Amino acid sequence: MKTPAKDRTLFLKEQAVEVVNRLGELEQIPNHGIARAYNCPALRIRYTDPETSECDEFYHLDVWDCERKVPYVVWLANEPSEIVTFKQGSWETFFVA
């Protein structure tokens, strides 16, 4: 079921993936594989895909505001995203400013 909150979360996911793909650097994650990561004073983004994962066939997107994971979204290729975690906050303005 689509809701405004889910639509907003998925919009923020797409924005975060764009930022990390454009500005991020490759980072080795022990026992998981390689991720693309972007760190700035306001937040930290980590994006992994099945091609560089040692564990699974899912795409993963994590965004941290300080030490709090604010969205965590997973999905399979050509499948709807699953929002595992979402916490509203000022971090959202980074992607819509």
Protein backbone atom coordinates (compact mmCIF):
# COMPACT_ATOMS: atom_id res chain seq x y z
CA MET A 1 0.00 0.00 0.00
CA LYS A 2 1.35 3.39 -0.96
CA THR A 3 1.23 6.15 1.61
CA PRO A 4 2.70 9.68 1.65
CA ALA A 5 5.23 8.58 4.31
CA LYS A 6 6.35 5.58 2.23
CA ASP A 7 6.55 7.73 -0.91
CA ARG A 8 8.72 10.25 0.96
CA THR A 9 10.98 7.50 2.30
CA LEU A 10 11.47 6.03 -1.17
CA PHE A 11 12.16 9.51 -2.59
CA LEU A 12 14.84 10.03 0.11
CA LYS A 13 16.29 6.59 -0.69
CA GLU A 14 16.68 7.54 -4.35
CA GLN A 15 18.29 10.86 -3.41
CA ALA A 16 20.72 9.12 -1.03
CA VAL A 17 21.70 6.55 -3.68
CA GLU A 18 22.38 9.38 -6.13
CA VAL A 19 24.57 11.24 -3.61
CA VAL A 20 26.59 8.18 -2.61
CA ASN A 21 27.09 7.11 -6.23
CA ARG A 22 28.23 10.61 -7.22
CA LEU A 23 30.34 11.53 -4.17
CA GLY A 24 31.04 8.29 -2.32
CA GLU A 25 34.18 6.21 -2.17
CA LEU A 26 34.60 2.46 -2.08
CA GLU A 27 34.91 0.98 1.40
CA GLN A 28 35.63 -2.60 2.49
CA ILE A 29 33.14 -3.95 5.04
CA PRO A 30 34.54 -6.93 6.97
CA ASN A 31 32.69 -10.18 6.17
CA HIS A 32 30.29 -8.39 3.83
CA GLY A 33 32.08 -7.05 0.77
CA ILE A 34 32.57 -3.64 -0.75
CA ALA A 35 30.21 -0.70 -0.28
CA ARG A 36 30.13 2.80 -1.60
CA ALA A 37 30.23 5.23 1.31
CA TYR A 38 29.85 8.97 1.68
CA ASN A 39 30.66 10.76 4.94
CA CYS A 40 30.02 14.38 5.78
CA PRO A 41 29.55 16.19 9.10
CA ALA A 42 25.75 15.91 8.90
CA LEU A 43 25.42 12.24 8.00
CA ARG A 44 26.93 9.03 6.68
CA ILE A 45 25.57 6.99 3.76
CA ARG A 46 26.48 3.41 2.84
CA TYR A 47 25.18 1.64 -0.26
CA THR A 48 25.90 -1.97 -1.19
CA ASP A 49 24.81 -3.96 -4.17
CA PRO A 50 24.80 -7.68 -4.96
CA GLU A 51 27.73 -7.41 -7.38
CA THR A 52 30.14 -6.46 -4.59
CA SER A 53 28.49 -8.30 -1.71
CA GLU A 54 29.95 -11.43 -0.19
CA CYS A 55 26.66 -12.27 1.57
CA ASP A 56 23.47 -11.83 -0.40
CA GLU A 57 21.61 -10.70 -3.50
CA PHE A 58 20.02 -7.63 -1.93
CA TYR A 59 20.77 -3.95 -2.39
CA HIS A 60 21.19 -2.14 0.95
CA LEU A 61 21.03 1.56 1.77
CA ASP A 62 21.87 2.83 5.27
CA VAL A 63 21.91 6.46 6.32
CA TRP A 64 23.13 7.52 9.78
CA ASP A 65 22.40 10.83 11.47
CA CYS A 66 25.12 10.93 14.13
CA GLU A 67 25.04 7.34 15.46
CA ARG A 68 21.36 6.71 14.68
CA LYS A 69 20.38 4.72 11.58
CA VAL A 70 17.57 6.80 10.13
CA PRO A 71 16.54 4.95 7.04
CA TYR A 72 17.57 1.42 6.25
CA VAL A 73 16.14 0.13 2.99
CA VAL A 74 16.71 -3.18 1.20
CA TRP A 75 15.52 -4.42 -2.18
CA LEU A 76 16.06 -6.99 -4.88
CA ALA A 77 16.61 -6.00 -8.50
CA ASN A 78 13.28 -5.23 -10.19
CA GLU A 79 11.38 -5.64 -6.90
CA PRO A 80 9.79 -3.08 -4.55
CA SER A 81 11.96 -1.69 -1.77
CA GLU A 82 11.42 -2.81 1.81
CA ILE A 83 11.74 -0.04 4.39
CA VAL A 84 13.31 -1.74 7.41
CA THR A 85 13.90 1.41 9.48
CA PHE A 86 12.84 5.01 9.08
CA LYS A 87 13.18 7.81 11.62
CA GLN A 88 12.13 11.32 10.68
CA GLY A 89 14.44 14.21 11.46
CA SER A 90 16.45 17.16 10.30
CA TRP A 91 18.71 14.83 8.27
CA GLU A 92 15.96 14.76 5.59
CA THR A 93 16.71 18.36 4.59
CA PHE A 94 20.13 17.25 3.28
CA PHE A 95 18.35 15.53 0.40
CA VAL A 96 15.63 18.08 -0.34
CA ALA A 97 17.47 21.38 0.14
